[in-house]
């Protein structure tokens, strides 16, 4: 079965848009307006007397006020003011939307309010175009996405003996009744044919993305943004091979924060503990437990309790068994005796002479410069 699709901004920009904006997959009512209108370009099936099958779409807000007008014709011309003129010249002109619909009234085949799955079995003609009106309400994202128009009509009633089509009224009822099951079958068949896309983290929908995360035993998916969660699932096979290693911890923290962290283990400071003058300060900063390691993160990535808990959950999942991680927030100042690292959370940006004469004020930022 063939179809036309509107699923990217360019598809809508080729039509006529009023008081609406293009989104990644559809159109949306602009803020501050009560009504928006969209007229599609004329779609050509390439065959005369085409029987159109079905139109589907997605509404981000289920209760949004959306009205569809569906037009079909064997020609792209219409008589306007006594002259023959191309329909698209009318649709893309500056006359009011109501006037455009009035001119196209003779081609109107179907008018529907708020439905996302519309049968087009009574729509016949080589050309088809649609008008969409979006009404304001309490929704912030009222609009339409991913419009599919399928053709030609393929009804299951054609597979039954001809006796079922002799009576027109009963045939129409049976056709509509069978279309319920045909729609379910077509949707399932389409998902089955495109099932490979579901398994691609960068392309699958957000619901199935969280489902994939469960397969990989990724907990607390809510703490990840959608973009980073997709990257995590894509990296998971190689990343989980490094579970319990220093490089694995660094990679997953870098994915979450966007910056590579500093990790300090006990063996790295052991040689400096021999110096009695440094021992007390080092033990205070880095501790003495061999099963504990420090992860140094800039303050902007763990400024609040929620961010710290999220990072610790991620770190603990990648940490070696029987090891405990301590998270240290690096402030953007030089503070003697604290976690201050030149070139990491502080820098010597300029020189300013000062006097300790009892009259000068030495501010906290007189030495160093914030990034």
Protein backbone atom coordinates (compact mmCIF):
# COMPACT_ATOMS: atom_id res chain seq x y z
CA UNK A 1 0.00 0.00 0.00
CA UNK A 2 1.27 3.49 -0.88
CA UNK A 3 1.08 6.56 1.32
CA UNK A 4 1.85 10.26 1.64
CA UNK A 5 3.41 11.41 4.89
CA UNK A 6 3.79 14.73 6.73
CA UNK A 7 6.45 14.13 9.40
CA UNK A 8 9.01 16.93 9.09
CA UNK A 9 8.88 20.75 8.95
CA UNK A 10 9.49 20.89 5.19
CA UNK A 11 6.29 18.88 4.54
CA UNK A 12 4.20 21.54 6.27
CA UNK A 13 6.15 24.54 4.99
CA UNK A 14 5.22 23.51 1.44
CA UNK A 15 1.60 24.22 2.34
CA UNK A 16 -0.12 27.28 3.81
CA UNK A 17 0.32 27.96 7.55
CA UNK A 18 -1.42 30.62 9.60
CA UNK A 19 -0.87 31.21 13.35
CA UNK A 20 1.01 27.90 13.65
CA UNK A 21 4.65 26.91 14.00
CA UNK A 22 6.43 23.86 12.60
CA UNK A 23 7.80 21.35 15.10
CA UNK A 24 10.15 18.45 14.44
CA UNK A 25 7.27 16.16 13.42
CA UNK A 26 4.25 18.40 12.83
CA UNK A 27 2.57 21.73 13.44
CA UNK A 28 1.54 23.42 16.68
CA UNK A 29 -0.66 26.39 17.53
CA UNK A 30 1.44 29.50 18.18
CA UNK A 31 1.24 31.01 21.65
CA UNK A 32 -1.23 33.84 22.02
CA UNK A 33 -3.55 32.71 19.22
CA UNK A 34 -6.97 31.09 19.58
CA UNK A 35 -6.99 29.39 16.21
CA UNK A 36 -4.44 28.19 13.68
CA UNK A 37 -4.95 26.89 10.13
CA UNK A 38 -2.99 24.66 7.78
CA UNK A 39 -3.73 23.86 4.11
CA UNK A 40 -1.63 21.09 2.61
CA UNK A 41 -0.27 21.12 -0.91
CA UNK A 42 -2.25 19.04 -3.43
CA UNK A 43 -1.18 15.39 -3.39
CA UNK A 44 -1.25 13.46 -6.67
CA UNK A 45 -1.88 9.70 -6.60
CA UNK A 46 -0.97 9.46 -10.28
CA UNK A 47 -4.14 7.54 -11.18
CA UNK A 48 -7.66 8.69 -12.02
CA UNK A 49 -10.54 7.72 -9.73
CA UNK A 50 -8.23 6.70 -6.94
CA UNK A 51 -10.09 5.25 -3.94
CA UNK A 52 -8.32 6.59 -0.86
CA UNK A 53 -8.02 4.26 2.09
CA UNK A 54 -7.16 5.84 5.42
CA UNK A 55 -5.62 8.84 7.18
CA UNK A 56 -3.83 8.62 10.53
CA UNK A 57 -2.11 11.21 12.69
CA UNK A 58 -0.78 11.81 16.20
CA UNK A 59 -2.05 14.49 18.56
CA UNK A 60 0.47 15.32 21.33
CA UNK A 61 -2.43 16.60 23.42
CA UNK A 62 -5.30 14.11 23.28
CA UNK A 63 -8.11 16.58 24.03
CA UNK A 64 -6.90 19.32 21.72
CA UNK A 65 -9.49 20.86 19.41
CA UNK A 66 -8.50 19.70 15.92
CA UNK A 67 -10.81 19.75 12.89
CA UNK A 68 -10.01 18.18 9.51
CA UNK A 69 -11.47 18.96 6.10
CA UNK A 70 -10.56 16.39 3.44
CA UNK A 71 -10.92 17.32 -0.24
CA UNK A 72 -10.55 15.23 -3.38
CA UNK A 73 -10.84 15.91 -7.10
CA UNK A 74 -9.97 14.64 -10.57
CA UNK A 75 -8.60 18.05 -11.52
CA UNK A 76 -6.50 20.78 -9.92
CA UNK A 77 -8.56 23.60 -11.44
CA UNK A 78 -11.53 25.49 -10.02
CA UNK A 79 -13.73 28.29 -11.33
CA UNK A 80 -13.19 31.47 -9.31
CA UNK A 81 -14.60 34.88 -10.29
CA UNK A 82 -15.53 33.48 -13.67
CA UNK A 83 -12.01 32.27 -14.43
CA UNK A 84 -10.34 28.89 -14.28
CA UNK A 85 -7.59 28.94 -11.71
CA UNK A 86 -5.32 26.34 -10.08
CA UNK A 87 -6.56 25.29 -6.64
CA UNK A 88 -3.12 25.76 -5.06
CA UNK A 89 -3.17 29.44 -6.09
CA UNK A 90 -6.30 29.75 -3.97
CA UNK A 91 -4.91 27.72 -1.06
CA UNK A 92 -1.64 29.70 -0.90
CA UNK A 93 -3.21 33.14 -1.42
CA UNK A 94 -3.86 35.71 1.31
CA UNK A 95 -7.64 35.37 1.31
CA UNK A 96 -9.22 34.17 4.55
CA UNK A 97 -9.25 30.43 5.38
CA UNK A 98 -13.06 30.43 5.51
CA UNK A 99 -13.16 31.89 1.98
CA UNK A 100 -10.73 29.21 0.77
CA UNK A 101 -12.94 26.46 2.20
CA UNK A 102 -15.97 28.07 0.60
CA UNK A 103 -14.29 28.01 -2.84
CA UNK A 104 -13.28 24.36 -2.36
CA UNK A 105 -16.70 23.34 -0.99
CA UNK A 106 -17.58 21.35 -4.13
CA UNK A 107 -14.53 19.11 -3.53
CA UNK A 108 -15.18 18.46 0.17
CA UNK A 109 -15.50 14.74 0.88
CA UNK A 110 -15.15 14.48 4.64
CA UNK A 111 -15.16 16.69 7.75
CA UNK A 112 -13.93 15.21 11.03
CA UNK A 113 -13.39 16.59 14.54
CA UNK A 114 -10.69 15.32 16.88
CA UNK A 115 -10.04 11.87 15.38
CA UNK A 116 -6.61 10.37 14.81
CA UNK A 117 -7.67 7.45 12.57
CA UNK A 118 -10.03 8.30 9.70
CA UNK A 119 -11.38 5.95 7.05
CA UNK A 120 -11.43 7.50 3.56
CA UNK A 121 -13.50 4.83 1.80
CA UNK A 122 -15.93 7.42 0.41
CA UNK A 123 -13.12 9.70 -0.82
CA UNK A 124 -12.47 9.25 -4.54
CA UNK A 125 -10.33 11.22 -6.99
CA UNK A 126 -6.81 11.49 -8.33
CA UNK A 127 -5.90 14.49 -6.16
CA UNK A 128 -6.34 14.97 -2.41
CA UNK A 129 -5.58 17.81 0.00
CA UNK A 130 -6.49 18.61 3.60
CA UNK A 131 -7.27 21.58 5.78
CA UNK A 132 -6.57 21.48 9.52
CA UNK A 133 -7.85 23.93 12.13
CA UNK A 134 -6.31 23.91 15.61
CA UNK A 135 -8.25 25.58 18.42
CA UNK A 136 -6.84 26.92 21.66
CA UNK A 137 -7.72 25.43 25.03
CA UNK A 138 -5.84 24.61 28.21
CA UNK A 139 -3.13 22.77 26.28
CA UNK A 140 0.34 24.20 25.68
CA UNK A 141 1.18 21.90 22.77
CA UNK A 142 -2.06 21.59 20.80
CA UNK A 143 -1.18 20.37 17.34
CA UNK A 144 -0.85 17.49 14.89
CA UNK A 145 2.11 15.26 14.04
CA UNK A 146 2.98 12.39 11.69
CA UNK A 147 0.08 12.52 9.22
CA UNK A 148 -0.16 9.48 6.93
CA UNK A 149 -2.59 9.23 4.00
CA UNK A 150 -2.84 5.69 2.61
CA UNK A 151 -4.04 4.63 -0.86
CA UNK A 152 -5.46 2.87 -2.78
CA UNK A 153 -8.35 1.44 -0.81
CA UNK A 154 -7.98 -2.24 0.04
CA UNK A 155 -10.99 -3.50 1.88
CA UNK A 156 -11.31 -6.99 3.28
CA UNK A 157 -14.84 -7.16 1.91
CA UNK A 158 -13.29 -7.70 -1.55
CA UNK A 159 -11.98 -11.06 -0.33
CA UNK A 160 -15.51 -12.27 0.49
CA UNK A 161 -17.97 -13.79 -2.00
CA UNK A 162 -19.73 -11.18 -4.15
CA UNK A 163 -23.07 -11.89 -2.42
CA UNK A 164 -21.85 -9.79 0.52
CA UNK A 165 -21.67 -6.73 -1.75
CA UNK A 166 -25.05 -7.00 -3.48
CA UNK A 167 -26.96 -4.94 -0.93
CA UNK A 168 -25.39 -1.49 -0.76
CA UNK A 169 -26.41 -0.66 2.80
CA UNK A 170 -25.33 -3.96 4.30
CA UNK A 171 -22.11 -3.88 2.26
CA UNK A 172 -21.22 -0.44 3.66
CA UNK A 173 -21.90 -1.62 7.19
CA UNK A 174 -19.83 -4.79 6.70
CA UNK A 175 -17.03 -2.78 5.11
CA UNK A 176 -16.82 -0.46 8.10
CA UNK A 177 -17.09 -3.37 10.53
CA UNK A 178 -14.25 -5.28 8.85
CA UNK A 179 -12.16 -2.10 8.73
CA UNK A 180 -11.83 -2.24 12.54
CA UNK A 181 -9.94 -5.51 12.33
CA UNK A 182 -8.16 -4.48 9.14
CA UNK A 183 -6.83 -1.37 10.85
CA UNK A 184 -5.50 -3.42 13.76
CA UNK A 185 -3.90 -5.87 11.35
CA UNK A 186 -2.35 -3.14 9.17
CA UNK A 187 -0.92 -1.33 12.21
CA UNK A 188 0.53 -4.54 13.63
CA UNK A 189 1.96 -5.51 10.24
CA UNK A 190 3.54 -2.07 9.86
CA UNK A 191 5.13 -2.32 13.32
CA UNK A 192 6.39 -5.79 12.52
CA UNK A 193 7.96 -4.65 9.24
CA UNK A 194 9.64 -1.74 11.03
CA UNK A 195 10.50 -3.64 14.20
CA UNK A 196 14.23 -3.12 13.55
CA UNK A 197 13.73 0.61 14.13
CA UNK A 198 12.37 -0.11 17.63
CA UNK A 199 15.69 -1.67 18.57
CA UNK A 200 17.70 1.36 17.45
CA UNK A 201 18.18 3.65 20.51
CA UNK A 202 18.52 6.79 18.40
CA UNK A 203 15.23 6.19 16.54
CA UNK A 204 12.82 4.36 18.86
CA UNK A 205 10.06 6.19 20.76
CA UNK A 206 10.60 7.26 24.35
CA UNK A 207 8.30 4.61 25.84
CA UNK A 208 10.16 1.75 24.20
CA UNK A 209 13.45 3.43 25.11
CA UNK A 210 12.63 3.00 28.81
CA UNK A 211 11.58 -0.58 28.07
CA UNK A 212 14.99 -1.23 26.48
CA UNK A 213 16.64 0.24 29.56
CA UNK A 214 14.94 -2.44 31.68
CA UNK A 215 16.39 -5.14 29.41
CA UNK A 216 19.85 -3.76 30.18
CA UNK A 217 19.06 -3.42 33.90
CA UNK A 218 19.50 0.35 33.79
CA UNK A 219 17.68 1.66 36.83
CA UNK A 220 16.66 5.24 37.67
CA UNK A 221 16.14 6.15 34.02
CA UNK A 222 14.26 9.28 35.13
CA UNK A 223 17.52 10.96 36.12
CA UNK A 224 18.77 10.82 32.51
CA UNK A 225 17.66 13.23 29.82
CA UNK A 226 16.20 11.57 26.72
CA UNK A 227 19.24 12.39 24.58
CA UNK A 228 21.73 11.05 27.14
CA UNK A 229 19.62 7.95 27.82
CA UNK A 230 19.71 7.11 24.11
CA UNK A 231 23.51 7.45 24.14
CA UNK A 232 23.77 5.34 27.30
CA UNK A 233 21.75 2.48 25.80
CA UNK A 234 23.78 2.71 22.58
CA UNK A 235 27.04 2.55 24.57
CA UNK A 236 25.78 -0.04 27.08
CA UNK A 237 27.31 -3.23 25.53
CA UNK A 238 30.84 -1.79 25.54
CA UNK A 239 30.34 0.25 28.69
CA UNK A 240 29.13 -2.70 30.79
CA UNK A 241 32.27 -4.64 29.85
CA UNK A 242 34.14 -1.99 31.83
CA UNK A 243 31.87 -2.27 34.86
CA UNK A 244 33.94 -2.14 38.04
CA UNK A 245 36.86 -0.38 36.37
CA UNK A 246 38.19 3.15 36.64
CA UNK A 247 37.71 3.80 32.91
CA UNK A 248 34.08 2.60 33.08
CA UNK A 249 33.28 4.99 35.92
CA UNK A 250 34.93 7.88 34.08
CA UNK A 251 32.99 7.18 30.87
CA UNK A 252 29.55 7.00 32.49
CA UNK A 253 30.14 10.16 34.55
CA UNK A 254 31.39 11.97 31.45
CA UNK A 255 28.21 10.91 29.63
CA UNK A 256 26.04 12.21 32.48
CA UNK A 257 27.84 15.52 33.14
CA UNK A 258 29.58 16.20 29.84
CA UNK A 259 33.00 16.47 31.55
CA UNK A 260 35.59 13.92 32.59
CA UNK A 261 35.84 13.65 36.42
CA UNK A 262 38.92 13.28 38.61
CA UNK A 263 39.22 10.04 40.57
CA UNK A 264 41.58 9.72 43.54
CA UNK A 265 42.38 6.30 45.01
CA UNK A 266 44.34 5.52 48.16
CA UNK A 267 47.34 4.12 46.33
CA UNK A 268 47.85 7.47 44.61
CA UNK A 269 48.47 9.35 47.87
CA UNK A 270 50.25 6.58 49.76
CA UNK A 271 53.73 7.85 48.88
CA UNK A 272 52.94 11.32 50.24
CA UNK A 273 51.80 10.03 53.64
CA UNK A 274 55.44 9.47 54.61
CA UNK A 275 55.75 13.21 55.04
CA UNK A 276 54.51 13.94 58.55
CA UNK A 277 53.65 17.54 57.62
CA UNK A 278 51.29 16.43 54.81
CA UNK A 279 49.88 13.28 56.40
CA UNK A 280 47.25 14.96 58.56
CA UNK A 281 45.94 17.14 55.71
CA UNK A 282 45.89 14.26 53.21
CA UNK A 283 44.04 11.93 55.58
CA UNK A 284 41.49 14.66 56.28
CA UNK A 285 40.87 15.25 52.57
CA UNK A 286 41.13 11.72 51.17
CA UNK A 287 40.49 9.50 54.21
CA UNK A 288 42.33 6.33 55.21
CA UNK A 289 39.96 3.57 54.10
CA UNK A 290 41.53 1.49 51.33
CA UNK A 291 38.05 0.54 50.09
CA UNK A 292 37.03 4.15 49.50
CA UNK A 293 37.82 6.32 46.50
CA UNK A 294 37.03 9.97 45.79
CA UNK A 295 35.31 11.34 42.71
CA UNK A 296 35.86 15.05 42.20
CA UNK A 297 33.08 16.81 40.27
CA UNK A 298 32.65 20.50 39.60
CA UNK A 299 30.04 22.12 41.79
CA UNK A 300 27.69 22.95 38.90
CA UNK A 301 27.07 19.24 38.30
CA UNK A 302 26.19 18.38 41.90
CA UNK A 303 25.06 21.60 43.50
CA UNK A 304 21.95 20.12 45.08
CA UNK A 305 21.05 16.99 47.00
CA UNK A 306 19.06 15.60 44.09
CA UNK A 307 21.98 15.93 41.65
CA UNK A 308 24.38 14.34 44.17
CA UNK A 309 22.07 11.38 44.75
CA UNK A 310 21.64 10.88 41.01
CA UNK A 311 25.40 10.87 40.43
CA UNK A 312 26.05 8.53 43.36
CA UNK A 313 23.44 6.08 42.06
CA UNK A 314 25.18 6.02 38.68
CA UNK A 315 28.63 5.66 40.25
CA UNK A 316 27.60 2.85 42.62
CA UNK A 317 26.23 0.80 39.71
CA UNK A 318 29.64 0.96 37.99
CA UNK A 319 31.82 0.67 41.10
CA UNK A 320 33.81 -2.46 41.99
CA UNK A 321 32.36 -4.79 44.63
CA UNK A 322 33.07 -3.83 48.25
CA UNK A 323 34.21 -0.37 47.19
CA UNK A 324 32.57 2.85 48.29
CA UNK A 325 32.63 6.12 46.38
CA UNK A 326 32.76 9.56 47.96
CA UNK A 327 31.53 12.46 45.89
CA UNK A 328 33.33 15.76 46.36
CA UNK A 329 31.95 19.01 44.97
CA UNK A 330 34.70 21.29 43.68
CA UNK A 331 34.01 24.97 44.32
CA UNK A 332 35.42 27.58 41.96
CA UNK A 333 37.76 29.14 44.54
CA UNK A 334 41.25 28.69 45.93
CA UNK A 335 40.66 27.67 49.54
CA UNK A 336 43.78 26.62 51.39
CA UNK A 337 43.49 23.24 53.05
CA UNK A 338 40.48 22.22 50.94
CA UNK A 339 40.01 20.52 47.57
CA UNK A 340 41.68 23.13 45.38
CA UNK A 341 43.30 22.06 42.14
CA UNK A 342 45.04 24.57 39.92
CA UNK A 343 43.65 24.43 36.40
CA UNK A 344 40.64 22.41 37.50
CA UNK A 345 38.56 24.55 39.82
CA UNK A 346 40.87 27.52 40.14
CA UNK A 347 43.45 29.41 38.14
CA UNK A 348 45.89 32.29 38.53
CA UNK A 349 44.37 34.74 36.13
CA UNK A 350 46.10 38.01 37.00
CA UNK A 351 48.43 39.65 39.49
CA UNK A 352 47.24 42.28 41.93
CA UNK A 353 49.59 43.64 44.58
CA UNK A 354 48.24 43.89 48.12
CA UNK A 355 49.39 45.21 51.49
CA UNK A 356 48.82 43.77 54.93
CA UNK A 357 48.77 47.17 56.62
CA UNK A 358 45.42 46.96 58.34
CA UNK A 359 43.73 49.22 55.80
CA UNK A 360 43.46 46.98 52.72
CA UNK A 361 40.68 44.42 52.19
CA UNK A 362 41.66 41.04 50.74
CA UNK A 363 38.59 39.63 49.01
CA UNK A 364 37.91 35.97 48.33
CA UNK A 365 38.34 36.46 44.60
CA UNK A 366 41.41 38.67 44.62
CA UNK A 367 43.50 35.64 43.70
CA UNK A 368 42.06 33.41 40.97
CA UNK A 369 39.43 33.77 38.33
CA UNK A 370 36.13 31.98 37.85
CA UNK A 371 35.75 30.04 34.60
